[in-house]
Amino acid sequence: MNEKETAELRRRFKPDKSNISHVRGCYVNENREIISQFDQSLGLMSEDDSTMILSTLRKTLSGGIGKHLTDISFATRQVVDSDEHRLLMALRDSALADEEAVQRFFRKTIDAMDVEGNYLILLARDAYDVPFRSSDGEKQEDAGSETFSYILCSICPVKMTKPALSYRANENRFGHLPIDWVVSAPEAGFLFPAFNDRSTDLYGALYYSRDTAANHQAFVDAIFRVEPPMPADAQKETFRSILADSLSDDCSLEVVQGVHGKLREMIEVHKESKEAEPLVISQRVVKRVLADCGVSGEHAETFEARYAAEFGDGRELNPQNLVDLRRTEIRTPDVTIQVSPGREDLVQARVIDGIKYLLIRADEGVEVNGVQIQIS
C-alpha cells in the first residue's frame, strides 16, 4: 500500500465517516491473563468517547511506509488453504461476530505479543464504499467502484499515570489528581486485507509497528506465518556495516558522503515527482551509486554479494531507512560533528605531517558553548 491509500482510509476514522458500529477487545495483564472483554457499540457512546476510540485506531495507519508500516504478502497456498488466512477471513466476514474466531485470535495474540505490562487488544471492522476516481483524480461519491470490508487490529499499552497536583476550578483549590490507568498509542497492529490500488487484496495486509527498532517477530509469525520485515533501524545498521566491511580502503569520507548524498537526492526527486508508490532500491542500484562515487569494481561486487546475503537477493529497501535525512554525523572517540544535509563539503579529511585531521570550514558564526568566538 502507498501513502495515498493509507491516508484515504485514515480519513474515515471519524464518527460521521466511519461505518464501524462497534469495537471488540480484551484487557490483558502483565501475566498474559485476560482480565476482561468487551463488545462496545460506538452508537451508544458520546461523540467525544467514540472520537477518541477512532483516533486511537487511526494511529495504527500512521507513520512512514516501509518504516512504521510494512506490506505483508501471503503466498497463494496460504490464501487457498491455511489456518492463519481462514482466521482473518472469519473475523472480517462475520463482522467480528464469530465468537470462536475472536477468542482464537485473542489467544494467539496474547501468546505471541511481547508488550511489557498491561495492554488492550482492539478489533474493529469497517465497510467502505470506495468512491470512483477518474483518471484526473476527481472523486465521484455517487459512483462507487466496490465495498472494501476490512478489519483493523490495534495493540495498545495501558499505563498508570503518575501522582500529580491538580487545580479544581469549581472548588477554587488545589488537590491531588487520582492515579488512573490510561490507554497509550498503539504499539503494533495491522489492517487486513490490504487496500492495494484502492481495491481489496486478499493476498496482502498492512502491518504497523510504532518502534522502528522492533518488529514483534513472534506476533507477525503467529498471525501471518510469514517472514517478518527487518525493522527500519536494523536496516540502517546493517547497511552501514555492509558498506564499511565491503569497501575496505575505499570507504573514505568522500565516498560515504557521496553515497548518502546520492540516496538523499533520489529521495528528494521522488518526493518532488509526487509518485504514489514508495521509492525502493535494490543492491544493483546501490552498486551503480558506488561506481559513480569512485568505488572499485571489486569492492562494488563484494558489496552486492554481502547485500544479497544480509537482505536477500533482489530485496528492495526504502532508502529513507538507510540514511539520515536530517543531518550527517561524523564521530570520533572524543568529538562528534553534525553537518546539515547538502553541506558535507564543509568537512574534509586530510593527513598533515602524518597526522589525520578532519578540517571544518568556519567562515563566520562559530560558537563554543553558546559563546561566539573569532578565528584569527
Foldseek 3Di string as FASTA:
>chain_A
DFPVLLVVVLVQLAPVRWPWQWKWKFKAFQVLDTPDIDIGGLVPDDRVVSSVVSVLLSCQSDDHEQAFKDKDFADPCCCVDDPLLVLQVVCQVVQNPPVVSVVVLSVLQSVQFDDGGMKMKMKTKTWAQAFDADPVGDTDNVHGDHIDIKMKIFIWHKDKDDWDWDQDVVVRGIDIDDIDIDTHRGQWIKMPDDCPPNHHDNRMIMIGGPDLCDQSQRNCCSNRVDGTDHRLLVQQVLLVVLLCVLQPVPPDPQLVLQLQLVLLVVQVVCVVVVDRDADKDFLVVSLVSSVVSPGDPRSSVSSQVSRCVPQNHPDIHRCCSHHPQAWDWDDDPVDIDTGGPPVSVQWDWDQDPNRIDIHGDDDADDDDPRHGDDDD
